[in-house]
Protein backbone atom coordinates (compact mmCIF):
# COMPACT_ATOMS: atom_id res chain seq x y z
CA UNK A 1 -0.04 0.05 -0.11
CA UNK A 2 1.46 3.47 -0.89
CA UNK A 3 1.89 6.11 1.71
CA UNK A 4 -0.36 9.25 1.10
CA UNK A 5 1.48 12.53 1.43
CA UNK A 6 -0.83 14.64 3.70
CA UNK A 7 -1.10 18.44 2.73
CA UNK A 8 -0.47 21.00 5.48
CA UNK A 9 -3.89 21.42 6.19
CA UNK A 10 -4.47 17.92 6.30
CA UNK A 11 -1.33 17.25 8.64
CA UNK A 12 -2.21 20.12 11.04
CA UNK A 13 -3.65 18.74 14.50
CA UNK A 14 -7.33 19.61 14.72
CA UNK A 15 -7.07 21.82 17.97
CA UNK A 16 -4.67 24.22 15.48
CA UNK A 17 -7.64 24.72 12.94
CA UNK A 18 -10.34 25.44 15.64
CA UNK A 19 -9.39 28.78 17.32
CA UNK A 20 -12.36 30.38 18.91
CA UNK A 21 -10.74 33.95 17.73
CA UNK A 22 -8.26 34.60 14.90
CA UNK A 23 -4.79 34.79 16.13
CA UNK A 24 -3.13 37.72 14.00
CA UNK A 25 0.24 36.86 12.37
CA UNK A 26 3.41 38.23 14.31
CA UNK A 27 6.04 38.78 11.60
CA UNK A 28 7.86 41.33 14.03
CA UNK A 29 7.87 39.42 17.09
CA UNK A 30 10.49 41.53 18.96
CA UNK A 31 8.53 44.79 18.82
CA UNK A 32 5.54 45.71 20.72
CA UNK A 33 2.07 44.49 19.65
CA UNK A 34 0.89 47.91 19.31
CA UNK A 35 3.78 48.64 17.01
CA UNK A 36 3.11 45.49 15.17
CA UNK A 37 -0.63 46.39 14.74
CA UNK A 38 0.60 49.77 13.32
CA UNK A 39 3.06 48.36 10.85
CA UNK A 40 0.59 45.98 9.82
CA UNK A 41 -2.12 48.43 9.16
CA UNK A 42 0.34 50.91 7.06
CA UNK A 43 1.65 47.73 5.05
CA UNK A 44 -2.03 46.62 4.35
CA UNK A 45 -2.67 50.08 3.34
CA UNK A 46 0.23 50.57 1.01
CA UNK A 47 -0.84 47.01 -0.53
CA UNK A 48 -4.49 48.58 -1.06
CA UNK A 49 -2.83 51.53 -3.00
CA UNK A 50 -0.65 49.71 -5.17
CA UNK A 51 -1.88 49.47 -9.13
CA UNK A 52 -2.49 46.03 -10.06
CA UNK A 53 -0.33 44.42 -12.66
CA UNK A 54 -1.70 43.60 -16.36
CA UNK A 55 -2.09 40.02 -16.58
CA UNK A 56 1.15 38.29 -18.16
CA UNK A 57 0.66 35.98 -21.27
CA UNK A 58 2.71 32.94 -21.17
CA UNK A 59 4.05 31.11 -24.17
CA UNK A 60 3.73 27.79 -25.25
CA UNK A 61 6.81 26.81 -23.24
CA UNK A 62 5.34 28.42 -20.17
CA UNK A 63 7.91 31.42 -20.23
CA UNK A 64 6.22 34.52 -19.34
CA UNK A 65 6.19 37.03 -22.02
CA UNK A 66 5.08 40.40 -22.53
CA UNK A 67 1.90 42.10 -20.38
CA UNK A 68 -1.33 41.79 -22.23
């Protein structure tokens, strides 16, 4: 019988998936929570303001070519 490779979601223990409240990511663990929140809000605002890129066509061999 062949072993089945589990995805991350399947391999995670059930307790890790059932949080009563969402736990925000902490990319800057050494900073105080208030500073982390401010940085995350600024980053989110910058991402919202970024202009979306035009879709890129791919050639037959899978290499990206010029924008559409």
